[in-house]
Amino acid sequence: MYRTERDHTAGFTLGVISGAIVGAGLALLFAPKSGAALRSNIAESVEPLRAAIAKRYQDLADRAGVEIENLHETVDSATDVLEQRATAAVQTASRKLRSIDPTA
């Protein structure tokens, strides 16, 4: 499930970047403005895109950190359960061995 989300996110990000590049290229071709004015407009329009990409990246990084923390908790919990079961199994085997051979 996480891999599918990551694949969709990568596709979305690639689409946004590609769209921005194509849009900028079309703006250059069809703009009746001077070069300086055009560059200024492009810089102004790219800034929100840059901010959106940075926010999305931060959101993904935060979510990945939460997922790793959850994984650590799950592993710790599973390890505790495994240790308890192993201890119980050893104690049970020891009791059974003593009931069969009291000198053991």
PDB file of N, CA and C in Angstrom:
ATOM      1  N   MET A   1       0.822  -1.182   0.000  1.00  0.00           N
ATOM      2  CA  MET A   1       0.000   0.000   0.000  1.00  0.00           C
ATOM      3  C   MET A   1       0.869   1.248   0.000  1.00  0.00           C
ATOM      4  N   TYR A   2       1.883   1.299   0.829  1.00  0.00           N
ATOM      5  CA  TYR A   2       2.750   2.472   0.899  1.00  0.00           C
ATOM      6  C   TYR A   2       3.485   2.662  -0.414  1.00  0.00           C
ATOM      7  N   ARG A   3       3.924   1.557  -1.023  1.00  0.00           N
ATOM      8  CA  ARG A   3       4.651   1.659  -2.275  1.00  0.00           C
ATOM      9  C   ARG A   3       3.767   2.294  -3.348  1.00  0.00           C
ATOM     10  N   THR A   4       2.483   1.919  -3.403  1.00  0.00           N
ATOM     11  CA  THR A   4       1.573   2.486  -4.384  1.00  0.00           C
ATOM     12  C   THR A   4       1.409   3.982  -4.158  1.00  0.00           C
ATOM     13  N   GLU A   5       1.259   4.406  -2.888  1.00  0.00           N
ATOM     14  CA  GLU A   5       1.158   5.837  -2.594  1.00  0.00           C
ATOM     15  C   GLU A   5       2.412   6.565  -3.049  1.00  0.00           C
ATOM     16  N   ARG A   6       3.562   5.967  -2.783  1.00  0.00           N
ATOM     17  CA  ARG A   6       4.822   6.599  -3.164  1.00  0.00           C
ATOM     18  C   ARG A   6       4.919   6.714  -4.679  1.00  0.00           C
ATOM     19  N   ASP A   7       4.488   5.662  -5.417  1.00  0.00           N
ATOM     20  CA  ASP A   7       4.523   5.705  -6.872  1.00  0.00           C
ATOM     21  C   ASP A   7       3.604   6.798  -7.401  1.00  0.00           C
ATOM     22  N   HIS A   8       2.395   6.924  -6.823  1.00  0.00           N
ATOM     23  CA  HIS A   8       1.474   7.967  -7.248  1.00  0.00           C
ATOM     24  C   HIS A   8       2.037   9.347  -6.928  1.00  0.00           C
ATOM     25  N   THR A   9       2.656   9.483  -5.770  1.00  0.00           N
ATOM     26  CA  THR A   9       3.228  10.762  -5.368  1.00  0.00           C
ATOM     27  C   THR A   9       4.360  11.157  -6.312  1.00  0.00           C
ATOM     28  N   ALA A  10       5.207  10.199  -6.660  1.00  0.00           N
ATOM     29  CA  ALA A  10       6.305  10.486  -7.587  1.00  0.00           C
ATOM     30  C   ALA A  10       5.748  10.892  -8.942  1.00  0.00           C
ATOM     31  N   GLY A  11       4.703  10.203  -9.395  1.00  0.00           N
ATOM     32  CA  GLY A  11       4.078  10.551 -10.672  1.00  0.00           C
ATOM     33  C   GLY A  11       3.458  11.933 -10.645  1.00  0.00           C
ATOM     34  N   PHE A  12       2.797  12.245  -9.528  1.00  0.00           N
ATOM     35  CA  PHE A  12       2.186  13.566  -9.381  1.00  0.00           C
ATOM     36  C   PHE A  12       3.254  14.653  -9.409  1.00  0.00           C
ATOM     37  N   THR A  13       4.316  14.458  -8.639  1.00  0.00           N
ATOM     38  CA  THR A  13       5.386  15.452  -8.580  1.00  0.00           C
ATOM     39  C   THR A  13       6.028  15.628  -9.944  1.00  0.00           C
ATOM     40  N   LEU A  14       6.274  14.533 -10.648  1.00  0.00           N
ATOM     41  CA  LEU A  14       6.848  14.608 -11.985  1.00  0.00           C
ATOM     42  C   LEU A  14       5.909  15.357 -12.923  1.00  0.00           C
ATOM     43  N   GLY A  15       4.605  15.126 -12.803  1.00  0.00           N
ATOM     44  CA  GLY A  15       3.627  15.827 -13.626  1.00  0.00           C
ATOM     45  C   GLY A  15       3.608  17.320 -13.358  1.00  0.00           C
ATOM     46  N   VAL A  16       3.693  17.687 -12.065  1.00  0.00           N
ATOM     47  CA  VAL A  16       3.705  19.114 -11.708  1.00  0.00           C
ATOM     48  C   VAL A  16       4.945  19.789 -12.280  1.00  0.00           C
ATOM     49  N   ILE A  17       6.078  19.165 -12.125  1.00  0.00           N
ATOM     50  CA  ILE A  17       7.331  19.748 -12.634  1.00  0.00           C
ATOM     51  C   ILE A  17       7.296  19.843 -14.157  1.00  0.00           C
ATOM     52  N   SER A  18       6.831  18.774 -14.816  1.00  0.00           N
ATOM     53  CA  SER A  18       6.741  18.793 -16.284  1.00  0.00           C
ATOM     54  C   SER A  18       5.785  19.882 -16.750  1.00  0.00           C
ATOM     55  N   GLY A  19       4.649  19.998 -16.074  1.00  0.00           N
ATOM     56  CA  GLY A  19       3.681  21.034 -16.432  1.00  0.00           C
ATOM     57  C   GLY A  19       4.253  22.429 -16.277  1.00  0.00           C
ATOM     58  N   ALA A  20       5.020  22.622 -15.209  1.00  0.00           N
ATOM     59  CA  ALA A  20       5.635  23.926 -14.991  1.00  0.00           C
ATOM     60  C   ALA A  20       6.636  24.256 -16.089  1.00  0.00           C
ATOM     61  N   ILE A  21       7.409  23.284 -16.495  1.00  0.00           N
ATOM     62  CA  ILE A  21       8.406  23.507 -17.549  1.00  0.00           C
ATOM     63  C   ILE A  21       7.715  23.806 -18.883  1.00  0.00           C
ATOM     64  N   VAL A  22       6.704  23.013 -19.212  1.00  0.00           N
ATOM     65  CA  VAL A  22       5.976  23.240 -20.467  1.00  0.00           C
ATOM     66  C   VAL A  22       5.286  24.608 -20.437  1.00  0.00           C
ATOM     67  N   GLY A  23       4.673  24.933 -19.304  1.00  0.00           N
ATOM     68  CA  GLY A  23       4.011  26.233 -19.178  1.00  0.00           C
ATOM     69  C   GLY A  23       4.981  27.383 -19.336  1.00  0.00           C
ATOM     70  N   ALA A  24       6.140  27.252 -18.731  1.00  0.00           N
ATOM     71  CA  ALA A  24       7.147  28.315 -18.855  1.00  0.00           C
ATOM     72  C   ALA A  24       7.609  28.452 -20.304  1.00  0.00           C
ATOM     73  N   GLY A  25       7.791  27.330 -20.962  1.00  0.00           N
ATOM     74  CA  GLY A  25       8.210  27.372 -22.372  1.00  0.00           C
ATOM     75  C   GLY A  25       7.161  28.024 -23.262  1.00  0.00           C
ATOM     76  N   LEU A  26       5.894  27.660 -23.024  1.00  0.00           N
ATOM     77  CA  LEU A  26       4.818  28.275 -23.810  1.00  0.00           C
ATOM     78  C   LEU A  26       4.705  29.769 -23.518  1.00  0.00           C
ATOM     79  N   ALA A  27       4.912  30.129 -22.268  1.00  0.00           N
ATOM     80  CA  ALA A  27       4.860  31.553 -21.919  1.00  0.00           C
ATOM     81  C   ALA A  27       5.947  32.316 -22.665  1.00  0.00           C
ATOM     82  N   LEU A  28       7.115  31.735 -22.789  1.00  0.00           N
ATOM     83  CA  LEU A  28       8.199  32.393 -23.523  1.00  0.00           C
ATOM     84  C   LEU A  28       7.845  32.553 -24.998  1.00  0.00           C
ATOM     85  N   LEU A  29       7.207  31.537 -25.564  1.00  0.00           N
ATOM     86  CA  LEU A  29       6.889  31.587 -26.990  1.00  0.00           C
ATOM     87  C   LEU A  29       5.792  32.598 -27.322  1.00  0.00           C
ATOM     88  N   PHE A  30       4.794  32.705 -26.464  1.00  0.00           N
ATOM     89  CA  PHE A  30       3.625  33.508 -26.802  1.00  0.00           C
ATOM     90  C   PHE A  30       3.533  34.835 -26.060  1.00  0.00           C
ATOM     91  N   ALA A  31       4.494  35.157 -25.263  1.00  0.00           N
ATOM     92  CA  ALA A  31       4.425  36.386 -24.467  1.00  0.00           C
ATOM     93  C   ALA A  31       4.811  37.601 -25.308  1.00  0.00           C
ATOM     94  N   PRO A  32       3.975  38.663 -25.248  1.00  0.00           N
ATOM     95  CA  PRO A  32       4.312  39.888 -25.978  1.00  0.00           C
ATOM     96  C   PRO A  32       5.111  40.863 -25.116  1.00  0.00           C
ATOM     97  N   LYS A  33       5.723  40.375 -24.057  1.00  0.00           N
ATOM     98  CA  LYS A  33       6.443  41.246 -23.125  1.00  0.00           C
ATOM     99  C   LYS A  33       7.935  41.233 -23.421  1.00  0.00           C
ATOM    100  N   SER A  34       8.614  42.184 -22.802  1.00  0.00           N
ATOM    101  CA  SER A  34      10.066  42.228 -22.936  1.00  0.00           C
ATOM    102  C   SER A  34      10.685  41.079 -22.142  1.00  0.00           C
ATOM    103  N   GLY A  35      11.935  40.791 -22.410  1.00  0.00           N
ATOM    104  CA  GLY A  35      12.637  39.703 -21.727  1.00  0.00           C
ATOM    105  C   GLY A  35      12.689  39.897 -20.228  1.00  0.00           C
ATOM    106  N   ALA A  36      12.970  41.121 -19.762  1.00  0.00           N
ATOM    107  CA  ALA A  36      13.075  41.382 -18.324  1.00  0.00           C
ATOM    108  C   ALA A  36      11.720  41.204 -17.642  1.00  0.00           C
ATOM    109  N   ALA A  37      10.661  41.713 -18.269  1.00  0.00           N
ATOM    110  CA  ALA A  37       9.321  41.576 -17.687  1.00  0.00           C
ATOM    111  C   ALA A  37       8.896  40.118 -17.673  1.00  0.00           C
ATOM    112  N   LEU A  38       9.216  39.414 -18.747  1.00  0.00           N
ATOM    113  CA  LEU A  38       8.871  38.000 -18.836  1.00  0.00           C
ATOM    114  C   LEU A  38       9.593  37.191 -17.760  1.00  0.00           C
ATOM    115  N   ARG A  39      10.885  37.453 -17.595  1.00  0.00           N
ATOM    116  CA  ARG A  39      11.651  36.734 -16.552  1.00  0.00           C
ATOM    117  C   ARG A  39      11.078  37.030 -15.175  1.00  0.00           C
ATOM    118  N   SER A  40      10.686  38.246 -14.946  1.00  0.00           N
ATOM    119  CA  SER A  40      10.095  38.620 -13.665  1.00  0.00           C
ATOM    120  C   SER A  40       8.788  37.862 -13.431  1.00  0.00           C
ATOM    121  N   ASN A  41       7.942  37.803 -14.461  1.00  0.00           N
ATOM    122  CA  ASN A  41       6.670  37.066 -14.338  1.00  0.00           C
ATOM    123  C   ASN A  41       6.902  35.581 -14.098  1.00  0.00           C
ATOM    124  N   ILE A  42       7.862  35.016 -14.801  1.00  0.00           N
ATOM    125  CA  ILE A  42       8.159  33.584 -14.627  1.00  0.00           C
ATOM    126  C   ILE A  42       8.664  33.333 -13.216  1.00  0.00           C
ATOM    127  N   ALA A  43       9.543  34.190 -12.721  1.00  0.00           N
ATOM    128  CA  ALA A  43      10.063  34.027 -11.357  1.00  0.00           C
ATOM    129  C   ALA A  43       8.928  34.104 -10.341  1.00  0.00           C
ATOM    130  N   GLU A  44       7.979  35.011 -10.553  1.00  0.00           N
ATOM    131  CA  GLU A  44       6.839  35.143  -9.644  1.00  0.00           C
ATOM    132  C   GLU A  44       5.932  33.919  -9.705  1.00  0.00           C
ATOM    133  N   SER A  45       5.759  33.342 -10.886  1.00  0.00           N
ATOM    134  CA  SER A  45       4.868  32.185 -11.008  1.00  0.00           C
ATOM    135  C   SER A  45       5.530  30.894 -10.540  1.00  0.00           C
ATOM    136  N   VAL A  46       6.844  30.836 -10.560  1.00  0.00           N
ATOM    137  CA  VAL A  46       7.551  29.631 -10.127  1.00  0.00           C
ATOM    138  C   VAL A  46       7.618  29.552  -8.603  1.00  0.00           C
ATOM    139  N   GLU A  47       7.619  30.670  -7.927  1.00  0.00           N
ATOM    140  CA  GLU A  47       7.746  30.680  -6.464  1.00  0.00           C
ATOM    141  C   GLU A  47       6.641  29.875  -5.775  1.00  0.00           C
ATOM    142  N   PRO A  48       5.357  30.046  -6.117  1.00  0.00           N
ATOM    143  CA  PRO A  48       4.329  29.218  -5.474  1.00  0.00           C
ATOM    144  C   PRO A  48       4.524  27.725  -5.758  1.00  0.00           C
ATOM    145  N   LEU A  49       4.968  27.421  -6.963  1.00  0.00           N
ATOM    146  CA  LEU A  49       5.244  26.024  -7.306  1.00  0.00           C
ATOM    147  C   LEU A  49       6.371  25.482  -6.437  1.00  0.00           C
ATOM    148  N   ARG A  50       7.423  26.257  -6.291  1.00  0.00           N
ATOM    149  CA  ARG A  50       8.554  25.855  -5.453  1.00  0.00           C
ATOM    150  C   ARG A  50       8.094  25.629  -4.004  1.00  0.00           C
ATOM    151  N   ALA A  51       7.268  26.535  -3.506  1.00  0.00           N
ATOM    152  CA  ALA A  51       6.767  26.406  -2.136  1.00  0.00           C
ATOM    153  C   ALA A  51       5.881  25.168  -1.999  1.00  0.00           C
ATOM    154  N   ALA A  52       5.042  24.890  -2.991  1.00  0.00           N
ATOM    155  CA  ALA A  52       4.165  23.716  -2.940  1.00  0.00           C
ATOM    156  C   ALA A  52       4.974  22.427  -2.952  1.00  0.00           C
ATOM    157  N   ILE A  53       6.007  22.378  -3.778  1.00  0.00           N
ATOM    158  CA  ILE A  53       6.850  21.185  -3.841  1.00  0.00           C
ATOM    159  C   ILE A  53       7.601  21.001  -2.520  1.00  0.00           C
ATOM    160  N   ALA A  54       8.113  22.084  -1.961  1.00  0.00           N
ATOM    161  CA  ALA A  54       8.824  21.989  -0.678  1.00  0.00           C
ATOM    162  C   ALA A  54       7.888  21.503   0.426  1.00  0.00           C
ATOM    163  N   LYS A  55       6.644  21.995   0.439  1.00  0.00           N
ATOM    164  CA  LYS A  55       5.675  21.559   1.455  1.00  0.00           C
ATOM    165  C   LYS A  55       5.350  20.080   1.279  1.00  0.00           C
ATOM    166  N   ARG A  56       5.135  19.661   0.039  1.00  0.00           N
ATOM    167  CA  ARG A  56       4.820  18.244  -0.230  1.00  0.00           C
ATOM    168  C   ARG A  56       5.985  17.360   0.200  1.00  0.00           C
ATOM    169  N   TYR A  57       7.193  17.774  -0.099  1.00  0.00           N
ATOM    170  CA  TYR A  57       8.374  17.013   0.308  1.00  0.00           C
ATOM    171  C   TYR A  57       8.437  16.904   1.830  1.00  0.00           C
ATOM    172  N   GLN A  58       8.186  18.007   2.520  1.00  0.00           N
ATOM    173  CA  GLN A  58       8.231  17.993   3.986  1.00  0.00           C
ATOM    174  C   GLN A  58       7.137  17.083   4.551  1.00  0.00           C
ATOM    175  N   ASP A  59       5.943  17.134   3.956  1.00  0.00           N
ATOM    176  CA  ASP A  59       4.857  16.258   4.399  1.00  0.00           C
ATOM    177  C   ASP A  59       5.236  14.788   4.236  1.00  0.00           C
ATOM    178  N   LEU A  60       5.825  14.458   3.094  1.00  0.00           N
ATOM    179  CA  LEU A  60       6.243  13.070   2.861  1.00  0.00           C
ATOM    180  C   LEU A  60       7.348  12.658   3.824  1.00  0.00           C
ATOM    181  N   ALA A  61       8.287  13.550   4.079  1.00  0.00           N
ATOM    182  CA  ALA A  61       9.374  13.235   5.009  1.00  0.00           C
ATOM    183  C   ALA A  61       8.825  13.026   6.420  1.00  0.00           C
ATOM    184  N   ASP A  62       7.880  13.871   6.826  1.00  0.00           N
ATOM    185  CA  ASP A  62       7.257  13.716   8.149  1.00  0.00           C
ATOM    186  C   ASP A  62       6.510  12.398   8.242  1.00  0.00           C
ATOM    187  N   ARG A  63       5.759  12.065   7.188  1.00  0.00           N
ATOM    188  CA  ARG A  63       5.001  10.816   7.204  1.00  0.00           C
ATOM    189  C   ARG A  63       5.951   9.615   7.247  1.00  0.00           C
ATOM    190  N   ALA A  64       7.057   9.690   6.516  1.00  0.00           N
ATOM    191  CA  ALA A  64       8.023   8.597   6.534  1.00  0.00           C
ATOM    192  C   ALA A  64       8.611   8.437   7.940  1.00  0.00           C
ATOM    193  N   GLY A  65       8.866   9.556   8.613  1.00  0.00           N
ATOM    194  CA  GLY A  65       9.382   9.485   9.980  1.00  0.00           C
ATOM    195  C   GLY A  65       8.392   8.829  10.908  1.00  0.00           C
ATOM    196  N   VAL A  66       7.103   9.126  10.754  1.00  0.00           N
ATOM    197  CA  VAL A  66       6.062   8.505  11.581  1.00  0.00           C
ATOM    198  C   VAL A  66       5.982   7.011  11.270  1.00  0.00           C
ATOM    199  N   GLU A  67       6.068   6.664  10.003  1.00  0.00           N
ATOM    200  CA  GLU A  67       6.016   5.248   9.621  1.00  0.00           C
ATOM    201  C   GLU A  67       7.186   4.481  10.223  1.00  0.00           C
ATOM    202  N   ILE A  68       8.369   5.062  10.208  1.00  0.00           N
ATOM    203  CA  ILE A  68       9.537   4.390  10.784  1.00  0.00           C
ATOM    204  C   ILE A  68       9.368   4.249  12.285  1.00  0.00           C
ATOM    205  N   GLU A  69       8.851   5.292  12.934  1.00  0.00           N
ATOM    206  CA  GLU A  69       8.623   5.223  14.383  1.00  0.00           C
ATOM    207  C   GLU A  69       7.602   4.132  14.701  1.00  0.00           C
ATOM    208  N   ASN A  70       6.532   4.051  13.909  1.00  0.00           N
ATOM    209  CA  ASN A  70       5.528   3.001  14.111  1.00  0.00           C
ATOM    210  C   ASN A  70       6.134   1.622  13.898  1.00  0.00           C
ATOM    211  N   LEU A  71       7.019   1.513  12.925  1.00  0.00           N
ATOM    212  CA  LEU A  71       7.684   0.232  12.669  1.00  0.00           C
ATOM    213  C   LEU A  71       8.546  -0.171  13.854  1.00  0.00           C
ATOM    214  N   HIS A  72       9.274   0.778  14.434  1.00  0.00           N
ATOM    215  CA  HIS A  72      10.096   0.484  15.611  1.00  0.00           C
ATOM    216  C   HIS A  72       9.217   0.005  16.766  1.00  0.00           C
ATOM    217  N   GLU A  73       8.087   0.653  16.975  1.00  0.00           N
ATOM    218  CA  GLU A  73       7.180   0.256  18.053  1.00  0.00           C
ATOM    219  C   GLU A  73       6.638  -1.147  17.811  1.00  0.00           C
ATOM    220  N   THR A  74       6.291  -1.449  16.578  1.00  0.00           N
ATOM    221  CA  THR A  74       5.768  -2.770  16.241  1.00  0.00           C
ATOM    222  C   THR A  74       6.825  -3.843  16.462  1.00  0.00           C
ATOM    223  N   VAL A  75       8.046  -3.561  16.024  1.00  0.00           N
ATOM    224  CA  VAL A  75       9.131  -4.530  16.210  1.00  0.00           C
ATOM    225  C   VAL A  75       9.418  -4.728  17.694  1.00  0.00           C
ATOM    226  N   ASP A  76       9.459  -3.643  18.459  1.00  0.00           N
ATOM    227  CA  ASP A  76       9.697  -3.762  19.904  1.00  0.00           C
ATOM    228  C   ASP A  76       8.609  -4.594  20.568  1.00  0.00           C
ATOM    229  N   SER A  77       7.374  -4.340  20.207  1.00  0.00           N
ATOM    230  CA  SER A  77       6.242  -5.082  20.779  1.00  0.00           C
ATOM    231  C   SER A  77       6.326  -6.560  20.412  1.00  0.00           C
ATOM    232  N   ALA A  78       6.610  -6.842  19.150  1.00  0.00           N
ATOM    233  CA  ALA A  78       6.719  -8.236  18.706  1.00  0.00           C
ATOM    234  C   ALA A  78       7.884  -8.937  19.405  1.00  0.00           C
ATOM    235  N   THR A  79       8.977  -8.226  19.615  1.00  0.00           N
ATOM    236  CA  THR A  79      10.132  -8.800  20.299  1.00  0.00           C
ATOM    237  C   THR A  79       9.788  -9.133  21.747  1.00  0.00           C
ATOM    238  N   ASP A  80       9.058  -8.239  22.406  1.00  0.00           N
ATOM    239  CA  ASP A  80       8.639  -8.505  23.787  1.00  0.00           C
ATOM    240  C   ASP A  80       7.755  -9.739  23.867  1.00  0.00           C
ATOM    241  N   VAL A  81       6.795  -9.845  22.957  1.00  0.00           N
ATOM    242  CA  VAL A  81       5.894 -11.001  22.942  1.00  0.00           C
ATOM    243  C   VAL A  81       6.680 -12.277  22.678  1.00  0.00           C
ATOM    244  N   LEU A  82       7.594 -12.232  21.725  1.00  0.00           N
ATOM    245  CA  LEU A  82       8.414 -13.402  21.399  1.00  0.00           C
ATOM    246  C   LEU A  82       9.258 -13.818  22.595  1.00  0.00           C
ATOM    247  N   GLU A  83       9.850 -12.850  23.288  1.00  0.00           N
ATOM    248  CA  GLU A  83      10.664 -13.153  24.460  1.00  0.00           C
ATOM    249  C   GLU A  83       9.816 -13.794  25.557  1.00  0.00           C
ATOM    250  N   GLN A  84       8.621 -13.269  25.785  1.00  0.00           N
ATOM    251  CA  GLN A  84       7.734 -13.841  26.801  1.00  0.00           C
ATOM    252  C   GLN A  84       7.341 -15.270  26.444  1.00  0.00           C
ATOM    253  N   ARG A  85       7.017 -15.505  25.187  1.00  0.00           N
ATOM    254  CA  ARG A  85       6.624 -16.855  24.761  1.00  0.00           C
ATOM    255  C   ARG A  85       7.804 -17.826  24.847  1.00  0.00           C
ATOM    256  N   ALA A  86       8.989 -17.347  24.473  1.00  0.00           N
ATOM    257  CA  ALA A  86      10.164 -18.217  24.559  1.00  0.00           C
ATOM    258  C   ALA A  86      10.467 -18.573  26.004  1.00  0.00           C
ATOM    259  N   THR A  87      10.367 -17.606  26.901  1.00  0.00           N
ATOM    260  CA  THR A  87      10.593 -17.869  28.329  1.00  0.00           C
ATOM    261  C   THR A  87       9.565 -18.865  28.855  1.00  0.00           C
ATOM    262  N   ALA A  88       8.306 -18.685  28.480  1.00  0.00           N
ATOM    263  CA  ALA A  88       7.251 -19.610  28.916  1.00  0.00           C
ATOM    264  C   ALA A  88       7.511 -21.011  28.376  1.00  0.00           C
ATOM    265  N   ALA A  89       7.959 -21.113  27.115  1.00  0.00           N
ATOM    266  CA  ALA A  89       8.238 -22.426  26.528  1.00  0.00           C
ATOM    267  C   ALA A  89       9.399 -23.109  27.242  1.00  0.00           C
ATOM    268  N   VAL A  90      10.437 -22.367  27.571  1.00  0.00           N
ATOM    269  CA  VAL A  90      11.587 -22.935  28.290  1.00  0.00           C
ATOM    270  C   VAL A  90      11.160 -23.400  29.680  1.00  0.00           C
ATOM    271  N   GLN A  91      10.356 -22.599  30.358  1.00  0.00           N
ATOM    272  CA  GLN A  91       9.891 -22.978  31.697  1.00  0.00           C
ATOM    273  C   GLN A  91       9.009 -24.224  31.632  1.00  0.00           C
ATOM    274  N   THR A  92       8.127 -24.290  30.646  1.00  0.00           N
ATOM    275  CA  THR A  92       7.276 -25.462  30.491  1.00  0.00           C
ATOM    276  C   THR A  92       8.105 -26.709  30.197  1.00  0.00           C
ATOM    277  N   ALA A  93       9.073 -26.576  29.316  1.00  0.00           N
ATOM    278  CA  ALA A  93       9.944 -27.717  28.987  1.00  0.00           C
ATOM    279  C   ALA A  93      10.737 -28.145  30.211  1.00  0.00           C
ATOM    280  N   SER A  94      11.199 -27.194  30.987  1.00  0.00           N
ATOM    281  CA  SER A  94      11.957 -27.512  32.196  1.00  0.00           C
ATOM    282  C   SER A  94      11.087 -28.252  33.199  1.00  0.00           C
ATOM    283  N   ARG A  95       9.845 -27.806  33.390  1.00  0.00           N
ATOM    284  CA  ARG A  95       8.926 -28.489  34.317  1.00  0.00           C
ATOM    285  C   ARG A  95       8.635 -29.905  33.843  1.00  0.00           C
ATOM    286  N   LYS A  96       8.415 -30.076  32.561  1.00  0.00           N
ATOM    287  CA  LYS A  96       8.121 -31.404  32.027  1.00  0.00           C
ATOM    288  C   LYS A  96       9.327 -32.322  32.184  1.00  0.00           C
ATOM    289  N   LEU A  97      10.517 -31.761  31.948  1.00  0.00           N
ATOM    290  CA  LEU A  97      11.725 -32.569  32.109  1.00  0.00           C
ATOM    291  C   LEU A  97      11.893 -33.001  33.561  1.00  0.00           C
ATOM    292  N   ARG A  98      11.628 -32.083  34.514  1.00  0.00           N
ATOM    293  CA  ARG A  98      11.736 -32.436  35.938  1.00  0.00           C
ATOM    294  C   ARG A  98      10.698 -33.472  36.342  1.00  0.00           C
ATOM    295  N   SER A  99       9.498 -33.405  35.709  1.00  0.00           N
ATOM    296  CA  SER A  99       8.476 -34.387  36.062  1.00  0.00           C
ATOM    297  C   SER A  99       8.836 -35.764  35.523  1.00  0.00           C
ATOM    298  N   ILE A 100       9.571 -35.800  34.429  1.00  0.00           N
ATOM    299  CA  ILE A 100      10.005 -37.089  33.871  1.00  0.00           C
ATOM    300  C   ILE A 100      11.236 -37.594  34.600  1.00  0.00           C
ATOM    301  N   ASP A 101      12.193 -36.713  34.832  1.00  0.00           N
ATOM    302  CA  ASP A 101      13.460 -37.077  35.491  1.00  0.00           C
ATOM    303  C   ASP A 101      13.748 -36.056  36.583  1.00  0.00           C
ATOM    304  N   PRO A 102      13.375 -36.328  37.833  1.00  0.00           N
ATOM    305  CA  PRO A 102      13.571 -35.371  38.918  1.00  0.00           C
ATOM    306  C   PRO A 102      15.024 -34.992  39.167  1.00  0.00           C
ATOM    307  N   THR A 103      15.987 -35.768  38.704  1.00  0.00           N
ATOM    308  CA  THR A 103      17.401 -35.464  38.932  1.00  0.00           C
ATOM    309  C   THR A 103      17.931 -34.464  37.891  1.00  0.00           C
ATOM    310  N   ALA A 104      17.151 -34.184  36.888  1.00  0.00           N
ATOM    311  CA  ALA A 104      17.620 -33.286  35.817  1.00  0.00           C
ATOM    312  C   ALA A 104      17.558 -31.839  36.213  1.00  0.00           C
TER     313      ALA A 104
END
